[in-house]
Amino acid sequence: MKLTVNSVNFEMAERLEKYINKKTARYEKLLTSPSAEMEIRMTVVKPETNLNKQTQIRVLGNGPEMFAEKTCDSFEQGIDLCLEALDKQIEKRKP
């Protein structure tokens, strides 16, 4: 699985990058297609407000496209919620 991470309107800390790699590691087993790709896009939408961190995760190449988007107080929380949503989508597609 190819993992692509984009950060918009902020510079991603190494701690956040390690967190993403840890949380997405198990998807290597779940997304078995050789062309499977996971794209993560994190954006700070309104720097002066709460709930300003938008996280989007798109999975391509493992059947139909899967997508999850959440806006939270932290990117870690957004990653967790998006991955939960993807887990539900993956579960629905199991034969």
N, C-alpha and C. Protein backbone atom coordinates (compact mmCIF):
# COMPACT_ATOMS: atom_id res chain seq x y z
N MET A 1 0.84 -1.17 0.00
CA MET A 1 0.00 0.00 0.00
C MET A 1 0.89 1.24 0.00
N LYS A 2 0.54 2.16 -0.85
CA LYS A 2 1.26 3.44 -0.90
C LYS A 2 0.52 4.44 -0.02
N LEU A 3 1.27 5.14 0.84
CA LEU A 3 0.70 6.13 1.74
C LEU A 3 1.22 7.51 1.35
N THR A 4 0.28 8.45 1.11
CA THR A 4 0.63 9.83 0.78
C THR A 4 -0.01 10.73 1.82
N VAL A 5 0.80 11.61 2.42
CA VAL A 5 0.30 12.53 3.44
C VAL A 5 0.59 13.96 3.00
N ASN A 6 -0.47 14.78 2.96
CA ASN A 6 -0.33 16.19 2.59
C ASN A 6 -0.80 17.06 3.75
N SER A 7 -0.03 18.10 4.05
CA SER A 7 -0.44 19.06 5.07
C SER A 7 -0.62 20.41 4.40
N VAL A 8 -1.75 21.05 4.65
CA VAL A 8 -2.09 22.32 4.03
C VAL A 8 -2.22 23.39 5.12
N ASN A 9 -1.59 24.50 4.93
CA ASN A 9 -1.62 25.65 5.85
C ASN A 9 -0.91 25.41 7.18
N PHE A 10 -0.06 24.39 7.25
CA PHE A 10 0.77 24.16 8.44
C PHE A 10 1.90 23.21 8.08
N GLU A 11 2.93 23.21 8.90
CA GLU A 11 4.04 22.30 8.72
C GLU A 11 3.88 21.14 9.70
N MET A 12 3.87 19.93 9.18
CA MET A 12 3.60 18.76 9.99
C MET A 12 4.82 18.41 10.86
N ALA A 13 4.57 18.18 12.14
CA ALA A 13 5.62 17.79 13.08
C ALA A 13 5.94 16.31 12.89
N GLU A 14 7.15 15.95 13.24
CA GLU A 14 7.59 14.56 13.12
C GLU A 14 6.73 13.64 13.99
N ARG A 15 6.30 14.15 15.15
CA ARG A 15 5.45 13.37 16.05
C ARG A 15 4.14 12.97 15.37
N LEU A 16 3.55 13.90 14.62
CA LEU A 16 2.31 13.62 13.91
C LEU A 16 2.54 12.60 12.80
N GLU A 17 3.65 12.72 12.12
CA GLU A 17 3.98 11.77 11.05
C GLU A 17 4.15 10.36 11.61
N LYS A 18 4.81 10.22 12.75
CA LYS A 18 4.97 8.91 13.39
C LYS A 18 3.61 8.35 13.81
N TYR A 19 2.74 9.22 14.33
CA TYR A 19 1.40 8.82 14.75
C TYR A 19 0.63 8.26 13.55
N ILE A 20 0.69 8.94 12.43
CA ILE A 20 -0.01 8.50 11.21
C ILE A 20 0.53 7.15 10.76
N ASN A 21 1.84 7.00 10.73
CA ASN A 21 2.44 5.73 10.30
C ASN A 21 2.03 4.58 11.22
N LYS A 22 1.97 4.84 12.51
CA LYS A 22 1.57 3.82 13.48
C LYS A 22 0.11 3.41 13.27
N LYS A 23 -0.76 4.40 13.11
CA LYS A 23 -2.19 4.12 12.97
C LYS A 23 -2.55 3.45 11.64
N THR A 24 -1.81 3.74 10.58
CA THR A 24 -2.14 3.19 9.26
C THR A 24 -1.41 1.89 8.95
N ALA A 25 -0.50 1.46 9.81
CA ALA A 25 0.29 0.25 9.54
C ALA A 25 -0.59 -0.98 9.33
N ARG A 26 -1.65 -1.10 10.08
CA ARG A 26 -2.49 -2.31 9.97
C ARG A 26 -3.25 -2.38 8.65
N TYR A 27 -3.35 -1.28 7.94
CA TYR A 27 -4.06 -1.28 6.66
C TYR A 27 -3.25 -1.95 5.56
N GLU A 28 -1.96 -2.18 5.80
CA GLU A 28 -1.14 -2.95 4.85
C GLU A 28 -1.76 -4.34 4.65
N LYS A 29 -2.30 -4.91 5.72
CA LYS A 29 -2.91 -6.24 5.66
C LYS A 29 -4.33 -6.19 5.11
N LEU A 30 -5.06 -5.12 5.45
CA LEU A 30 -6.46 -5.01 5.03
C LEU A 30 -6.60 -4.66 3.54
N LEU A 31 -5.71 -3.82 3.05
CA LEU A 31 -5.78 -3.38 1.65
C LEU A 31 -4.78 -4.20 0.86
N THR A 32 -5.24 -5.33 0.36
CA THR A 32 -4.35 -6.33 -0.22
C THR A 32 -3.98 -6.07 -1.68
N SER A 33 -4.70 -5.23 -2.36
CA SER A 33 -4.42 -4.95 -3.77
C SER A 33 -3.04 -4.30 -3.90
N PRO A 34 -2.23 -4.74 -4.87
CA PRO A 34 -0.91 -4.13 -5.06
C PRO A 34 -0.98 -2.65 -5.45
N SER A 35 -2.10 -2.24 -6.02
CA SER A 35 -2.23 -0.84 -6.43
C SER A 35 -2.95 0.01 -5.39
N ALA A 36 -3.19 -0.54 -4.20
CA ALA A 36 -3.91 0.19 -3.15
C ALA A 36 -3.10 1.42 -2.72
N GLU A 37 -3.81 2.52 -2.55
CA GLU A 37 -3.18 3.78 -2.17
C GLU A 37 -4.05 4.49 -1.16
N MET A 38 -3.43 5.00 -0.09
CA MET A 38 -4.15 5.76 0.92
C MET A 38 -3.60 7.18 0.90
N GLU A 39 -4.51 8.13 0.70
CA GLU A 39 -4.12 9.54 0.68
C GLU A 39 -4.72 10.22 1.90
N ILE A 40 -3.88 10.90 2.67
CA ILE A 40 -4.33 11.64 3.84
C ILE A 40 -4.04 13.11 3.60
N ARG A 41 -5.06 13.93 3.77
CA ARG A 41 -4.91 15.38 3.59
C ARG A 41 -5.40 16.06 4.87
N MET A 42 -4.51 16.86 5.46
CA MET A 42 -4.84 17.57 6.69
C MET A 42 -4.73 19.06 6.42
N THR A 43 -5.77 19.80 6.84
CA THR A 43 -5.84 21.22 6.56
C THR A 43 -6.26 21.99 7.81
N VAL A 44 -5.61 23.11 8.04
CA VAL A 44 -6.07 24.04 9.08
C VAL A 44 -6.98 25.02 8.36
N VAL A 45 -8.29 24.97 8.67
CA VAL A 45 -9.25 25.76 7.92
C VAL A 45 -9.44 27.17 8.45
N LYS A 46 -9.60 27.33 9.74
CA LYS A 46 -9.78 28.67 10.33
C LYS A 46 -8.87 28.73 11.56
N PRO A 47 -7.68 29.26 11.41
CA PRO A 47 -6.70 29.20 12.51
C PRO A 47 -7.17 29.79 13.83
N GLU A 48 -8.12 30.71 13.83
CA GLU A 48 -8.50 31.39 15.06
C GLU A 48 -9.68 30.75 15.78
N THR A 49 -10.17 29.60 15.34
CA THR A 49 -11.35 28.98 15.96
C THR A 49 -11.05 27.56 16.44
N ASN A 50 -11.94 27.04 17.29
CA ASN A 50 -11.89 25.63 17.67
C ASN A 50 -12.41 24.80 16.50
N LEU A 51 -12.21 23.52 16.57
CA LEU A 51 -12.65 22.61 15.49
C LEU A 51 -12.18 23.12 14.14
N ASN A 52 -10.88 23.38 14.03
CA ASN A 52 -10.35 23.97 12.81
C ASN A 52 -9.43 23.04 12.05
N LYS A 53 -9.32 21.81 12.46
CA LYS A 53 -8.41 20.88 11.79
C LYS A 53 -9.20 19.82 11.02
N GLN A 54 -9.12 19.91 9.72
CA GLN A 54 -9.89 19.03 8.84
C GLN A 54 -8.97 17.91 8.34
N THR A 55 -9.45 16.69 8.47
CA THR A 55 -8.71 15.52 8.02
C THR A 55 -9.55 14.77 6.99
N GLN A 56 -8.93 14.44 5.87
CA GLN A 56 -9.59 13.66 4.82
C GLN A 56 -8.71 12.46 4.51
N ILE A 57 -9.33 11.29 4.39
CA ILE A 57 -8.61 10.08 4.00
C ILE A 57 -9.36 9.45 2.83
N ARG A 58 -8.61 9.17 1.77
CA ARG A 58 -9.17 8.55 0.57
C ARG A 58 -8.37 7.28 0.29
N VAL A 59 -9.08 6.19 0.01
CA VAL A 59 -8.43 4.93 -0.33
C VAL A 59 -8.82 4.57 -1.76
N LEU A 60 -7.82 4.36 -2.58
CA LEU A 60 -8.02 4.05 -4.00
C LEU A 60 -7.39 2.71 -4.34
N GLY A 61 -7.89 2.06 -5.38
CA GLY A 61 -7.25 0.87 -5.93
C GLY A 61 -7.57 -0.42 -5.23
N ASN A 62 -8.46 -0.42 -4.27
CA ASN A 62 -8.86 -1.64 -3.57
C ASN A 62 -10.38 -1.77 -3.70
N GLY A 63 -10.85 -1.88 -4.94
CA GLY A 63 -12.29 -1.87 -5.18
C GLY A 63 -12.75 -0.44 -5.34
N PRO A 64 -14.03 -0.17 -5.05
CA PRO A 64 -14.54 1.20 -5.14
C PRO A 64 -13.82 2.13 -4.16
N GLU A 65 -13.74 3.38 -4.51
CA GLU A 65 -13.07 4.37 -3.67
C GLU A 65 -13.76 4.49 -2.32
N MET A 66 -12.96 4.63 -1.27
CA MET A 66 -13.49 4.86 0.08
C MET A 66 -13.00 6.23 0.53
N PHE A 67 -13.84 6.95 1.27
CA PHE A 67 -13.50 8.31 1.67
C PHE A 67 -14.08 8.62 3.04
N ALA A 68 -13.32 9.34 3.85
CA ALA A 68 -13.80 9.80 5.15
C ALA A 68 -13.24 11.20 5.39
N GLU A 69 -14.06 12.06 6.00
CA GLU A 69 -13.65 13.44 6.30
C GLU A 69 -14.20 13.83 7.66
N LYS A 70 -13.34 14.40 8.50
CA LYS A 70 -13.74 14.85 9.83
C LYS A 70 -13.05 16.18 10.14
N THR A 71 -13.73 17.02 10.92
CA THR A 71 -13.16 18.27 11.41
C THR A 71 -13.18 18.22 12.93
N CYS A 72 -11.99 18.38 13.54
CA CYS A 72 -11.84 18.18 14.98
C CYS A 72 -10.91 19.24 15.58
N ASP A 73 -10.68 19.11 16.89
CA ASP A 73 -9.75 19.98 17.60
C ASP A 73 -8.29 19.63 17.34
N SER A 74 -8.02 18.35 17.01
CA SER A 74 -6.64 17.92 16.76
C SER A 74 -6.62 16.98 15.56
N PHE A 75 -5.46 16.93 14.90
CA PHE A 75 -5.32 16.02 13.76
C PHE A 75 -5.32 14.57 14.21
N GLU A 76 -4.80 14.29 15.40
CA GLU A 76 -4.81 12.93 15.91
C GLU A 76 -6.24 12.43 16.05
N GLN A 77 -7.10 13.26 16.60
CA GLN A 77 -8.51 12.89 16.76
C GLN A 77 -9.16 12.71 15.38
N GLY A 78 -8.84 13.58 14.44
CA GLY A 78 -9.38 13.47 13.09
C GLY A 78 -8.94 12.19 12.40
N ILE A 79 -7.66 11.82 12.57
CA ILE A 79 -7.15 10.57 12.00
C ILE A 79 -7.91 9.39 12.57
N ASP A 80 -8.06 9.36 13.90
CA ASP A 80 -8.76 8.25 14.55
C ASP A 80 -10.19 8.12 14.04
N LEU A 81 -10.92 9.22 13.97
CA LEU A 81 -12.31 9.18 13.53
C LEU A 81 -12.44 8.78 12.06
N CYS A 82 -11.54 9.27 11.23
CA CYS A 82 -11.57 8.90 9.81
C CYS A 82 -11.26 7.42 9.62
N LEU A 83 -10.29 6.91 10.36
CA LEU A 83 -9.95 5.49 10.25
C LEU A 83 -11.09 4.61 10.76
N GLU A 84 -11.81 5.06 11.79
CA GLU A 84 -13.00 4.32 12.25
C GLU A 84 -14.04 4.26 11.13
N ALA A 85 -14.25 5.37 10.45
CA ALA A 85 -15.22 5.42 9.35
C ALA A 85 -14.77 4.50 8.22
N LEU A 86 -13.48 4.47 7.92
CA LEU A 86 -12.97 3.58 6.87
C LEU A 86 -13.12 2.11 7.28
N ASP A 87 -12.91 1.82 8.56
CA ASP A 87 -13.09 0.45 9.05
C ASP A 87 -14.52 -0.03 8.78
N LYS A 88 -15.49 0.84 9.01
CA LYS A 88 -16.89 0.49 8.76
C LYS A 88 -17.12 0.25 7.27
N GLN A 89 -16.51 1.08 6.43
CA GLN A 89 -16.67 0.90 4.98
C GLN A 89 -16.02 -0.40 4.52
N ILE A 90 -14.87 -0.73 5.07
CA ILE A 90 -14.18 -1.97 4.71
C ILE A 90 -15.01 -3.17 5.17
N GLU A 91 -15.57 -3.09 6.38
CA GLU A 91 -16.39 -4.18 6.92
C GLU A 91 -17.62 -4.42 6.03
N LYS A 92 -18.24 -3.37 5.54
CA LYS A 92 -19.42 -3.52 4.68
C LYS A 92 -19.08 -4.22 3.36
N ARG A 93 -17.85 -4.07 2.91
CA ARG A 93 -17.46 -4.63 1.61
C ARG A 93 -16.92 -6.04 1.68
N LYS A 94 -16.75 -6.56 2.89
CA LYS A 94 -16.27 -7.94 3.02
C LYS A 94 -17.32 -8.89 2.50
N PRO A 95 -16.89 -9.92 1.77
CA PRO A 95 -17.85 -10.90 1.24
C PRO A 95 -18.45 -11.79 2.31
